[in-house]
Amino acid sequence: SPNIYIIDNFLSDKEICHLGKFADGSTFKRSYTDTENGEKVVSSERTSCFTWLAKQQDSVIQRIEARAGEILGYSDINVEPFQLVRYTQGQMFKTHHDMGPIVDDEGIQIIPPRRLATFFIYLNTTPRGQGCTEFPLLDTVVCPRRGRALLFSNVEASGEADPLTVHRANPVGAGVVKYGMNIWVNEKSMQ
C-alpha cells in the first residue's frame, strides 16, 4: 500500500499529437492551487503553467475520459476536465497531495469533492532524471516517457486521504520542456 501503477502507451502517438494541438494553441497560465473557499492561490510551491480542456471536448478526449474511468471501474462522468501542464527550466510542483493541502500536524485537509485517483500522463520524454515525479515517503521516482500514465489512488480503503501518496514534480533543466496532463477521477459527477 499504496498502489502505484505505470501504464506505458496509455496514450497513442495519434492521441498525443491531437493533445499537442491544444498545447500549441492554448494560452498557458501560471499554475495555482484552490482553497476550500474556492480562492485561487499562486505560490512558490507550484511554478508550472497550465491550461484546461473542456469536458468531452471532442471524440478523442471522450475516448481518453472513458478509458481512464473504465480502468478504475467508474463512468467517464466522474472524470474531471483534463489539465494540460507545462514545465520549463527550474519549474516544479513541491510536495503536495491531490486531495488538498498538507497541514503540518493534521495530515491532508480534504477539499471536496474528493479526487479518488490521479492519472498523470507524460506527453513527452525528458532527459534522464529531469522532470520526474517523486513519492518521497515511498522512495519511488517515475520518469517522464511519452505516452506513459502514472496512476495512483489518493484515498485509503477508509476513504481518508492516503498520506503516502504525497508527491512532487521535480524541475527540468535548461532547454528542456516537460508536457503532461492531469486526469483526476472524482467521487462526484463532473457533468
N, C-alpha and C. Protein backbone atom coordinates (compact mmCIF):
# COMPACT_ATOMS: atom_id res chain seq x y z
N SER A 1 0.86 -1.17 0.00
CA SER A 1 0.00 0.00 0.00
C SER A 1 0.90 1.23 0.00
N PRO A 2 0.61 2.24 -0.74
CA PRO A 2 -0.49 2.34 -1.70
C PRO A 2 -0.10 1.70 -3.04
N ASN A 3 -1.09 1.56 -3.88
CA ASN A 3 -0.85 1.02 -5.21
C ASN A 3 -0.52 2.16 -6.17
N ILE A 4 0.65 2.05 -6.76
CA ILE A 4 1.09 3.00 -7.79
C ILE A 4 1.39 2.17 -9.03
N TYR A 5 0.81 2.60 -10.14
CA TYR A 5 0.94 1.83 -11.38
C TYR A 5 1.56 2.70 -12.47
N ILE A 6 2.31 2.07 -13.32
CA ILE A 6 2.83 2.71 -14.54
C ILE A 6 2.19 1.98 -15.71
N ILE A 7 1.54 2.75 -16.57
CA ILE A 7 0.91 2.18 -17.76
C ILE A 7 1.58 2.81 -18.97
N ASP A 8 2.52 2.10 -19.55
CA ASP A 8 3.18 2.61 -20.76
C ASP A 8 2.20 2.52 -21.93
N ASN A 9 2.30 3.47 -22.84
CA ASN A 9 1.45 3.56 -24.02
C ASN A 9 -0.03 3.73 -23.65
N PHE A 10 -0.30 4.41 -22.54
CA PHE A 10 -1.68 4.74 -22.18
C PHE A 10 -2.30 5.59 -23.27
N LEU A 11 -1.51 6.49 -23.84
CA LEU A 11 -1.93 7.30 -24.99
C LEU A 11 -1.16 6.85 -26.22
N SER A 12 -1.84 6.85 -27.35
CA SER A 12 -1.18 6.55 -28.61
C SER A 12 -0.47 7.80 -29.13
N ASP A 13 0.42 7.64 -30.10
CA ASP A 13 1.08 8.80 -30.71
C ASP A 13 0.05 9.73 -31.34
N LYS A 14 -0.98 9.15 -31.94
CA LYS A 14 -2.02 9.96 -32.56
C LYS A 14 -2.75 10.81 -31.51
N GLU A 15 -3.06 10.21 -30.37
CA GLU A 15 -3.73 10.97 -29.30
C GLU A 15 -2.82 12.06 -28.74
N ILE A 16 -1.53 11.75 -28.60
CA ILE A 16 -0.59 12.76 -28.10
C ILE A 16 -0.48 13.92 -29.08
N CYS A 17 -0.42 13.62 -30.37
CA CYS A 17 -0.37 14.69 -31.38
C CYS A 17 -1.64 15.54 -31.32
N HIS A 18 -2.77 14.90 -31.12
CA HIS A 18 -4.04 15.63 -31.00
C HIS A 18 -4.00 16.58 -29.80
N LEU A 19 -3.54 16.09 -28.66
CA LEU A 19 -3.43 16.93 -27.47
C LEU A 19 -2.40 18.05 -27.67
N GLY A 20 -1.37 17.76 -28.45
CA GLY A 20 -0.35 18.76 -28.74
C GLY A 20 -0.92 19.98 -29.44
N LYS A 21 -1.97 19.78 -30.23
CA LYS A 21 -2.62 20.92 -30.90
C LYS A 21 -3.21 21.89 -29.88
N PHE A 22 -3.75 21.34 -28.79
CA PHE A 22 -4.29 22.19 -27.74
C PHE A 22 -3.17 22.89 -26.99
N ALA A 23 -2.07 22.17 -26.78
CA ALA A 23 -0.93 22.77 -26.08
C ALA A 23 -0.33 23.90 -26.90
N ASP A 24 -0.23 23.70 -28.21
CA ASP A 24 0.35 24.73 -29.08
C ASP A 24 -0.57 25.94 -29.22
N GLY A 25 -1.88 25.69 -29.25
CA GLY A 25 -2.82 26.78 -29.49
C GLY A 25 -3.39 27.40 -28.22
N SER A 26 -3.01 26.88 -27.06
CA SER A 26 -3.58 27.37 -25.81
C SER A 26 -2.68 28.40 -25.16
N THR A 27 -3.32 29.22 -24.38
CA THR A 27 -2.58 30.15 -23.55
C THR A 27 -2.41 29.50 -22.19
N PHE A 28 -1.19 29.09 -21.89
CA PHE A 28 -0.92 28.52 -20.59
C PHE A 28 -0.86 29.64 -19.56
N LYS A 29 -1.46 29.39 -18.40
CA LYS A 29 -1.47 30.35 -17.30
C LYS A 29 -0.58 29.84 -16.18
N ARG A 30 -0.10 30.74 -15.38
CA ARG A 30 0.68 30.38 -14.19
C ARG A 30 -0.20 29.50 -13.31
N SER A 31 0.34 28.39 -12.86
CA SER A 31 -0.42 27.45 -12.04
C SER A 31 -0.77 28.05 -10.68
N TYR A 32 -1.87 27.57 -10.15
CA TYR A 32 -2.32 27.96 -8.82
C TYR A 32 -2.96 26.75 -8.16
N THR A 33 -3.25 26.89 -6.89
CA THR A 33 -4.00 25.85 -6.19
C THR A 33 -5.29 26.47 -5.68
N ASP A 34 -6.30 25.63 -5.47
CA ASP A 34 -7.60 26.08 -4.97
C ASP A 34 -7.68 25.88 -3.47
N THR A 35 -8.31 26.84 -2.79
CA THR A 35 -8.57 26.67 -1.36
C THR A 35 -9.97 26.11 -1.18
N GLU A 36 -10.32 25.77 0.04
CA GLU A 36 -11.65 25.24 0.34
C GLU A 36 -12.74 26.25 0.00
N ASN A 37 -12.41 27.54 0.06
CA ASN A 37 -13.36 28.61 -0.25
C ASN A 37 -13.41 28.93 -1.74
N GLY A 38 -12.67 28.16 -2.55
CA GLY A 38 -12.67 28.40 -3.99
C GLY A 38 -11.71 29.49 -4.45
N GLU A 39 -10.89 30.00 -3.53
CA GLU A 39 -9.91 31.02 -3.91
C GLU A 39 -8.77 30.37 -4.68
N LYS A 40 -8.23 31.12 -5.64
CA LYS A 40 -7.09 30.67 -6.44
C LYS A 40 -5.83 31.29 -5.82
N VAL A 41 -4.89 30.44 -5.42
CA VAL A 41 -3.69 30.93 -4.77
C VAL A 41 -2.46 30.57 -5.61
N VAL A 42 -1.74 31.61 -6.05
CA VAL A 42 -0.48 31.42 -6.76
C VAL A 42 0.62 31.40 -5.70
N SER A 43 1.49 30.38 -5.77
CA SER A 43 2.53 30.29 -4.75
C SER A 43 3.82 29.77 -5.35
N SER A 44 4.86 29.85 -4.55
CA SER A 44 6.17 29.34 -4.98
C SER A 44 6.21 27.82 -4.91
N GLU A 45 5.16 27.21 -4.37
CA GLU A 45 5.10 25.75 -4.28
C GLU A 45 4.87 25.10 -5.65
N ARG A 46 4.18 25.84 -6.53
CA ARG A 46 3.82 25.30 -7.84
C ARG A 46 4.14 26.37 -8.88
N THR A 47 5.18 26.13 -9.67
CA THR A 47 5.65 27.17 -10.59
C THR A 47 5.41 26.84 -12.05
N SER A 48 4.75 25.72 -12.32
CA SER A 48 4.46 25.34 -13.71
C SER A 48 3.35 26.23 -14.28
N CYS A 49 3.00 25.97 -15.54
CA CYS A 49 1.88 26.64 -16.20
C CYS A 49 0.88 25.58 -16.63
N PHE A 50 -0.39 25.99 -16.81
CA PHE A 50 -1.40 25.00 -17.20
C PHE A 50 -2.48 25.63 -18.05
N THR A 51 -3.27 24.76 -18.66
CA THR A 51 -4.50 25.15 -19.36
C THR A 51 -5.49 24.00 -19.21
N TRP A 52 -6.77 24.33 -19.22
CA TRP A 52 -7.82 23.31 -19.09
C TRP A 52 -8.38 22.96 -20.46
N LEU A 53 -8.78 21.70 -20.62
CA LEU A 53 -9.53 21.27 -21.79
C LEU A 53 -10.97 21.07 -21.34
N ALA A 54 -11.90 21.35 -22.23
CA ALA A 54 -13.32 21.20 -21.89
C ALA A 54 -13.68 19.72 -21.75
N LYS A 55 -14.57 19.44 -20.85
CA LYS A 55 -15.09 18.08 -20.67
C LYS A 55 -15.74 17.62 -21.97
N GLN A 56 -15.39 16.40 -22.41
CA GLN A 56 -15.92 15.81 -23.63
C GLN A 56 -15.78 16.77 -24.83
N GLN A 57 -14.65 17.43 -24.89
CA GLN A 57 -14.39 18.46 -25.90
C GLN A 57 -14.53 17.94 -27.33
N ASP A 58 -14.07 16.72 -27.54
CA ASP A 58 -14.20 16.12 -28.87
C ASP A 58 -14.12 14.60 -28.71
N SER A 59 -14.18 13.87 -29.81
CA SER A 59 -14.25 12.40 -29.71
C SER A 59 -12.96 11.80 -29.14
N VAL A 60 -11.82 12.40 -29.39
CA VAL A 60 -10.56 11.87 -28.84
C VAL A 60 -10.54 12.05 -27.33
N ILE A 61 -10.91 13.23 -26.87
CA ILE A 61 -10.97 13.49 -25.42
C ILE A 61 -11.99 12.55 -24.77
N GLN A 62 -13.13 12.35 -25.41
CA GLN A 62 -14.15 11.45 -24.87
C GLN A 62 -13.61 10.03 -24.70
N ARG A 63 -12.85 9.55 -25.69
CA ARG A 63 -12.28 8.20 -25.61
C ARG A 63 -11.28 8.08 -24.45
N ILE A 64 -10.47 9.12 -24.26
CA ILE A 64 -9.48 9.08 -23.17
C ILE A 64 -10.20 9.15 -21.82
N GLU A 65 -11.23 9.98 -21.70
CA GLU A 65 -12.02 10.05 -20.47
C GLU A 65 -12.63 8.68 -20.15
N ALA A 66 -13.20 8.04 -21.16
CA ALA A 66 -13.82 6.73 -20.96
C ALA A 66 -12.79 5.69 -20.53
N ARG A 67 -11.61 5.74 -21.14
CA ARG A 67 -10.54 4.79 -20.81
C ARG A 67 -10.11 4.95 -19.35
N ALA A 68 -9.92 6.19 -18.92
CA ALA A 68 -9.49 6.44 -17.53
C ALA A 68 -10.55 5.96 -16.55
N GLY A 69 -11.81 6.28 -16.82
CA GLY A 69 -12.88 5.83 -15.93
C GLY A 69 -12.99 4.32 -15.89
N GLU A 70 -12.91 3.70 -17.05
CA GLU A 70 -13.06 2.24 -17.14
C GLU A 70 -11.97 1.50 -16.37
N ILE A 71 -10.75 1.97 -16.45
CA ILE A 71 -9.64 1.32 -15.74
C ILE A 71 -9.94 1.23 -14.25
N LEU A 72 -10.61 2.25 -13.71
CA LEU A 72 -10.90 2.31 -12.28
C LEU A 72 -12.30 1.84 -11.92
N GLY A 73 -13.08 1.44 -12.92
CA GLY A 73 -14.43 0.97 -12.65
C GLY A 73 -15.43 2.10 -12.43
N TYR A 74 -15.12 3.27 -12.97
CA TYR A 74 -16.01 4.43 -12.87
C TYR A 74 -16.49 4.82 -14.26
N SER A 75 -17.54 5.59 -14.28
CA SER A 75 -18.04 6.15 -15.53
C SER A 75 -17.18 7.34 -15.92
N ASP A 76 -17.20 7.67 -17.20
CA ASP A 76 -16.47 8.86 -17.65
C ASP A 76 -17.04 10.15 -17.06
N ILE A 77 -18.25 10.11 -16.51
CA ILE A 77 -18.80 11.32 -15.90
C ILE A 77 -18.07 11.69 -14.61
N ASN A 78 -17.32 10.73 -14.05
CA ASN A 78 -16.54 11.00 -12.84
C ASN A 78 -15.14 11.54 -13.15
N VAL A 79 -14.81 11.64 -14.43
CA VAL A 79 -13.50 12.14 -14.83
C VAL A 79 -13.57 13.66 -14.98
N GLU A 80 -12.71 14.36 -14.25
CA GLU A 80 -12.68 15.82 -14.32
C GLU A 80 -12.16 16.28 -15.69
N PRO A 81 -12.45 17.53 -16.06
CA PRO A 81 -11.83 18.08 -17.28
C PRO A 81 -10.31 17.94 -17.18
N PHE A 82 -9.68 17.65 -18.30
CA PHE A 82 -8.24 17.44 -18.31
C PHE A 82 -7.49 18.75 -18.11
N GLN A 83 -6.37 18.65 -17.43
CA GLN A 83 -5.49 19.81 -17.22
C GLN A 83 -4.15 19.52 -17.89
N LEU A 84 -3.82 20.28 -18.93
CA LEU A 84 -2.50 20.18 -19.55
C LEU A 84 -1.54 21.05 -18.76
N VAL A 85 -0.34 20.53 -18.50
CA VAL A 85 0.66 21.28 -17.76
C VAL A 85 1.96 21.36 -18.54
N ARG A 86 2.69 22.45 -18.29
CA ARG A 86 3.98 22.66 -18.96
C ARG A 86 4.99 23.11 -17.90
N TYR A 87 6.15 22.45 -17.91
CA TYR A 87 7.25 22.81 -17.01
C TYR A 87 8.45 23.21 -17.87
N THR A 88 9.01 24.38 -17.60
CA THR A 88 10.24 24.82 -18.26
C THR A 88 11.34 24.93 -17.20
N GLN A 89 12.50 25.39 -17.60
CA GLN A 89 13.67 25.39 -16.72
C GLN A 89 13.36 25.85 -15.30
N GLY A 90 13.65 24.96 -14.35
CA GLY A 90 13.52 25.26 -12.95
C GLY A 90 12.10 25.16 -12.39
N GLN A 91 11.10 24.98 -13.26
CA GLN A 91 9.72 24.91 -12.76
C GLN A 91 9.45 23.55 -12.14
N MET A 92 8.63 23.56 -11.09
CA MET A 92 8.33 22.33 -10.34
C MET A 92 7.03 22.51 -9.58
N PHE A 93 6.62 21.43 -8.94
CA PHE A 93 5.48 21.45 -8.03
C PHE A 93 5.97 20.73 -6.78
N LYS A 94 6.18 21.49 -5.71
CA LYS A 94 6.73 20.91 -4.48
C LYS A 94 5.78 19.86 -3.92
N THR A 95 6.22 19.18 -2.89
CA THR A 95 5.47 18.08 -2.29
C THR A 95 4.04 18.52 -1.95
N HIS A 96 3.08 17.74 -2.44
CA HIS A 96 1.66 18.05 -2.29
C HIS A 96 0.83 16.78 -2.35
N HIS A 97 -0.45 16.93 -2.11
CA HIS A 97 -1.39 15.82 -2.21
C HIS A 97 -2.55 16.29 -3.08
N ASP A 98 -3.07 15.43 -3.95
CA ASP A 98 -4.11 15.83 -4.90
C ASP A 98 -5.50 15.98 -4.28
N MET A 99 -5.66 15.65 -3.01
CA MET A 99 -6.96 15.84 -2.36
C MET A 99 -7.04 17.14 -1.57
N GLY A 100 -5.91 17.81 -1.38
CA GLY A 100 -5.93 19.06 -0.64
C GLY A 100 -4.59 19.37 -0.02
N PRO A 101 -4.52 20.51 0.66
CA PRO A 101 -3.23 20.93 1.24
C PRO A 101 -2.77 20.04 2.39
N ILE A 102 -1.46 19.95 2.52
CA ILE A 102 -0.85 19.23 3.63
C ILE A 102 -0.79 20.21 4.80
N VAL A 103 -1.43 19.82 5.90
CA VAL A 103 -1.44 20.65 7.11
C VAL A 103 -0.51 19.97 8.11
N ASP A 104 0.49 20.70 8.55
CA ASP A 104 1.59 20.14 9.33
C ASP A 104 1.22 19.02 10.29
N ASP A 105 0.44 19.30 11.31
CA ASP A 105 0.16 18.30 12.34
C ASP A 105 -1.13 17.54 12.11
N GLU A 106 -1.88 17.92 11.09
CA GLU A 106 -3.21 17.34 10.90
C GLU A 106 -3.31 16.42 9.68
N GLY A 107 -2.26 16.29 8.91
CA GLY A 107 -2.31 15.46 7.72
C GLY A 107 -2.78 16.24 6.50
N ILE A 108 -3.67 15.66 5.72
CA ILE A 108 -4.15 16.29 4.49
C ILE A 108 -5.54 16.85 4.73
N GLN A 109 -5.71 18.12 4.41
CA GLN A 109 -7.03 18.77 4.52
C GLN A 109 -7.78 18.47 3.23
N ILE A 110 -8.80 17.65 3.29
CA ILE A 110 -9.53 17.24 2.09
C ILE A 110 -10.39 18.40 1.60
N ILE A 111 -10.21 18.76 0.32
CA ILE A 111 -11.02 19.78 -0.33
C ILE A 111 -12.07 19.04 -1.16
N PRO A 112 -13.35 19.13 -0.78
CA PRO A 112 -14.37 18.41 -1.55
C PRO A 112 -14.65 19.07 -2.90
N PRO A 113 -15.14 18.30 -3.88
CA PRO A 113 -15.33 16.85 -3.83
C PRO A 113 -13.98 16.14 -3.93
N ARG A 114 -13.92 14.93 -3.42
CA ARG A 114 -12.65 14.20 -3.33
C ARG A 114 -12.19 13.67 -4.68
N ARG A 115 -10.92 13.87 -4.94
CA ARG A 115 -10.26 13.25 -6.09
C ARG A 115 -9.78 11.87 -5.64
N LEU A 116 -10.47 10.85 -6.10
CA LEU A 116 -10.19 9.49 -5.64
C LEU A 116 -8.90 8.94 -6.21
N ALA A 117 -8.61 9.26 -7.45
CA ALA A 117 -7.41 8.74 -8.10
C ALA A 117 -6.86 9.77 -9.08
N THR A 118 -5.58 9.65 -9.33
CA THR A 118 -4.88 10.54 -10.26
C THR A 118 -4.19 9.71 -11.33
N PHE A 119 -4.37 10.13 -12.57
CA PHE A 119 -3.52 9.69 -13.67
C PHE A 119 -2.67 10.91 -14.02
N PHE A 120 -1.36 10.77 -14.05
CA PHE A 120 -0.54 11.83 -14.63
C PHE A 120 0.06 11.25 -15.89
N ILE A 121 -0.23 11.89 -17.02
CA ILE A 121 0.20 11.40 -18.32
C ILE A 121 1.37 12.23 -18.79
N TYR A 122 2.46 11.58 -19.16
CA TYR A 122 3.62 12.26 -19.71
C TYR A 122 3.45 12.36 -21.22
N LEU A 123 3.46 13.57 -21.73
CA LEU A 123 3.25 13.78 -23.17
C LEU A 123 4.55 13.82 -23.96
N ASN A 124 5.68 13.86 -23.25
CA ASN A 124 6.97 13.77 -23.91
C ASN A 124 7.97 13.12 -22.97
N THR A 125 9.06 12.65 -23.54
CA THR A 125 10.15 12.06 -22.77
C THR A 125 11.17 13.16 -22.49
N THR A 126 11.66 13.21 -21.27
CA THR A 126 12.68 14.20 -20.92
C THR A 126 14.02 13.49 -20.71
N PRO A 127 15.11 14.26 -20.72
CA PRO A 127 16.41 13.64 -20.44
C PRO A 127 16.42 12.96 -19.07
N ARG A 128 17.20 11.95 -18.96
CA ARG A 128 17.27 11.12 -17.75
C ARG A 128 17.35 11.98 -16.48
N GLY A 129 16.44 11.68 -15.54
CA GLY A 129 16.46 12.34 -14.24
C GLY A 129 15.81 13.71 -14.19
N GLN A 130 15.28 14.20 -15.29
CA GLN A 130 14.68 15.54 -15.30
C GLN A 130 13.15 15.45 -15.35
N GLY A 131 12.49 16.25 -14.50
CA GLY A 131 11.04 16.33 -14.51
C GLY A 131 10.34 15.09 -13.97
N CYS A 132 11.04 14.30 -13.20
CA CYS A 132 10.45 13.07 -12.67
C CYS A 132 9.42 13.38 -11.58
N THR A 133 8.49 12.45 -11.39
CA THR A 133 7.52 12.53 -10.30
C THR A 133 8.07 11.67 -9.17
N GLU A 134 8.12 12.27 -7.99
CA GLU A 134 8.73 11.58 -6.86
C GLU A 134 7.72 11.45 -5.71
N PHE A 135 7.66 10.26 -5.14
CA PHE A 135 6.86 9.98 -3.95
C PHE A 135 7.86 9.83 -2.79
N PRO A 136 8.14 10.92 -2.07
CA PRO A 136 9.23 10.89 -1.09
C PRO A 136 9.03 9.91 0.06
N LEU A 137 7.79 9.68 0.49
CA LEU A 137 7.56 8.76 1.60
C LEU A 137 7.67 7.30 1.18
N LEU A 138 7.66 7.07 -0.13
CA LEU A 138 7.75 5.71 -0.66
C LEU A 138 9.10 5.43 -1.31
N ASP A 139 9.94 6.47 -1.36
CA ASP A 139 11.25 6.36 -2.04
C ASP A 139 11.07 5.82 -3.46
N THR A 140 10.09 6.41 -4.17
CA THR A 140 9.74 5.98 -5.53
C THR A 140 9.82 7.18 -6.47
N VAL A 141 10.44 6.96 -7.63
CA VAL A 141 10.58 8.00 -8.64
C VAL A 141 10.13 7.43 -9.98
N VAL A 142 9.28 8.20 -10.69
CA VAL A 142 8.82 7.80 -12.01
C VAL A 142 9.25 8.89 -12.99
N CYS A 143 9.95 8.50 -14.04
CA CYS A 143 10.47 9.47 -15.00
C CYS A 143 9.57 9.59 -16.23
N PRO A 144 9.52 10.80 -16.81
CA PRO A 144 8.66 11.03 -17.98
C PRO A 144 9.05 10.18 -19.18
N ARG A 145 8.04 9.58 -19.77
CA ARG A 145 8.20 8.82 -21.01
C ARG A 145 6.94 9.05 -21.82
N ARG A 146 7.10 9.46 -23.04
CA ARG A 146 5.97 9.81 -23.91
C ARG A 146 4.90 8.72 -23.89
N GLY A 147 3.66 9.13 -23.57
CA GLY A 147 2.52 8.21 -23.57
C GLY A 147 2.30 7.46 -22.27
N ARG A 148 3.24 7.58 -21.33
CA ARG A 148 3.16 6.84 -20.07
C ARG A 148 2.16 7.50 -19.13
N ALA A 149 1.37 6.65 -18.46
CA ALA A 149 0.48 7.12 -17.40
C ALA A 149 1.01 6.63 -16.06
N LEU A 150 1.05 7.54 -15.12
CA LEU A 150 1.33 7.21 -13.73
C LEU A 150 -0.03 7.26 -13.03
N LEU A 151 -0.44 6.17 -12.43
CA LEU A 151 -1.76 6.06 -11.80
C LEU A 151 -1.58 5.74 -10.33
N PHE A 152 -2.27 6.50 -9.48
CA PHE A 152 -2.23 6.20 -8.05
C PHE A 152 -3.53 6.62 -7.39
N SER A 153 -3.85 5.92 -6.31
CA SER A 153 -5.05 6.22 -5.53
C SER A 153 -4.70 7.30 -4.52
N ASN A 154 -5.61 8.24 -4.35
CA ASN A 154 -5.42 9.30 -3.36
C ASN A 154 -6.06 8.97 -2.02
N VAL A 155 -6.82 7.87 -1.97
CA VAL A 155 -7.55 7.52 -0.75
C VAL A 155 -7.17 6.13 -0.25
N GLU A 156 -7.30 5.98 1.05
CA GLU A 156 -7.15 4.67 1.66
C GLU A 156 -8.49 3.95 1.60
N ALA A 157 -8.53 2.70 1.97
CA ALA A 157 -9.78 1.93 1.96
C ALA A 157 -10.86 2.59 2.84
N SER A 158 -10.44 3.32 3.86
CA SER A 158 -11.37 4.00 4.77
C SER A 158 -12.02 5.23 4.13
N GLY A 159 -11.48 5.67 2.98
CA GLY A 159 -11.98 6.88 2.33
C GLY A 159 -11.22 8.13 2.71
N GLU A 160 -10.31 8.00 3.67
CA GLU A 160 -9.47 9.13 4.07
C GLU A 160 -8.33 9.30 3.08
N ALA A 161 -7.76 10.49 3.05
CA ALA A 161 -6.62 10.75 2.17
C ALA A 161 -5.45 9.84 2.56
N ASP A 162 -4.82 9.27 1.56
CA ASP A 162 -3.67 8.40 1.80
C ASP A 162 -2.42 9.28 1.91
N PRO A 163 -1.84 9.41 3.09
CA PRO A 163 -0.68 10.29 3.25
C PRO A 163 0.55 9.82 2.48
N LEU A 164 0.60 8.54 2.12
CA LEU A 164 1.76 8.03 1.41
C LEU A 164 1.82 8.48 -0.05
N THR A 165 0.70 9.01 -0.57
CA THR A 165 0.72 9.44 -1.97
C THR A 165 1.03 10.92 -2.13
N VAL A 166 1.62 11.53 -1.10
CA VAL A 166 2.16 12.87 -1.33
C VAL A 166 3.28 12.71 -2.36
N HIS A 167 3.38 13.68 -3.24
CA HIS A 167 4.32 13.56 -4.35
C HIS A 167 4.76 14.94 -4.80
N ARG A 168 5.76 14.97 -5.65
CA ARG A 168 6.24 16.24 -6.19
C ARG A 168 6.70 16.04 -7.63
N ALA A 169 6.62 17.15 -8.38
CA ALA A 169 7.15 17.17 -9.75
C ALA A 169 8.50 17.87 -9.68
N ASN A 170 9.54 17.12 -9.94
CA ASN A 170 10.89 17.69 -9.89
C ASN A 170 11.15 18.56 -11.12
N PRO A 171 12.03 19.57 -10.99
CA PRO A 171 12.26 20.51 -12.08
C PRO A 171 13.00 19.91 -13.27
N VAL A 172 12.89 20.62 -14.39
CA VAL A 172 13.68 20.30 -15.58
C VAL A 172 14.76 21.35 -15.73
N GLY A 173 15.79 21.02 -16.49
CA GLY A 173 16.93 21.92 -16.67
C GLY A 173 16.79 22.82 -17.89
N ALA A 174 17.85 23.53 -18.17
CA ALA A 174 17.89 24.48 -19.29
C ALA A 174 17.59 23.77 -20.61
N GLY A 175 16.73 24.40 -21.40
CA GLY A 175 16.41 23.88 -22.73
C GLY A 175 15.46 22.71 -22.75
N VAL A 176 14.98 22.29 -21.59
CA VAL A 176 14.06 21.14 -21.51
C VAL A 176 12.66 21.66 -21.19
N VAL A 177 11.67 21.11 -21.88
CA VAL A 177 10.27 21.41 -21.58
C VAL A 177 9.58 20.07 -21.33
N LYS A 178 8.84 20.02 -20.25
CA LYS A 178 8.06 18.81 -19.92
C LYS A 178 6.59 19.15 -20.10
N TYR A 179 5.88 18.32 -20.86
CA TYR A 179 4.43 18.46 -21.01
C TYR A 179 3.77 17.25 -20.36
N GLY A 180 2.68 17.51 -19.67
CA GLY A 180 1.94 16.43 -19.04
C GLY A 180 0.47 16.75 -19.01
N MET A 181 -0.30 15.80 -18.53
CA MET A 181 -1.74 16.00 -18.42
C MET A 181 -2.23 15.32 -17.14
N ASN A 182 -2.94 16.09 -16.33
CA ASN A 182 -3.59 15.54 -15.15
C ASN A 182 -4.98 15.04 -15.51
N ILE A 183 -5.27 13.82 -15.10
CA ILE A 183 -6.62 13.26 -15.20
C ILE A 183 -6.99 12.84 -13.79
N TRP A 184 -8.00 13.49 -13.24
CA TRP A 184 -8.46 13.16 -11.90
C TRP A 184 -9.82 12.48 -11.98
N VAL A 185 -9.97 11.38 -11.25
CA VAL A 185 -11.26 10.69 -11.16
C VAL A 185 -11.86 11.09 -9.81
N ASN A 186 -13.06 11.65 -9.88
CA ASN A 186 -13.69 12.30 -8.76
C ASN A 186 -14.85 11.46 -8.23
N GLU A 187 -15.18 11.66 -6.96
CA GLU A 187 -16.33 10.95 -6.38
C GLU A 187 -17.66 11.48 -6.91
N LYS A 188 -17.68 12.67 -7.46
CA LYS A 188 -18.90 13.32 -7.96
C LYS A 188 -18.94 13.33 -9.48
N SER A 189 -20.13 13.48 -10.01
CA SER A 189 -20.30 13.64 -11.44
C SER A 189 -19.74 14.99 -11.86
N MET A 190 -19.05 15.01 -12.97
CA MET A 190 -18.45 16.24 -13.49
C MET A 190 -19.30 16.83 -14.61
N GLN A 191 -20.52 16.33 -14.78
CA GLN A 191 -21.37 16.86 -15.86
C GLN A 191 -22.45 17.75 -15.32
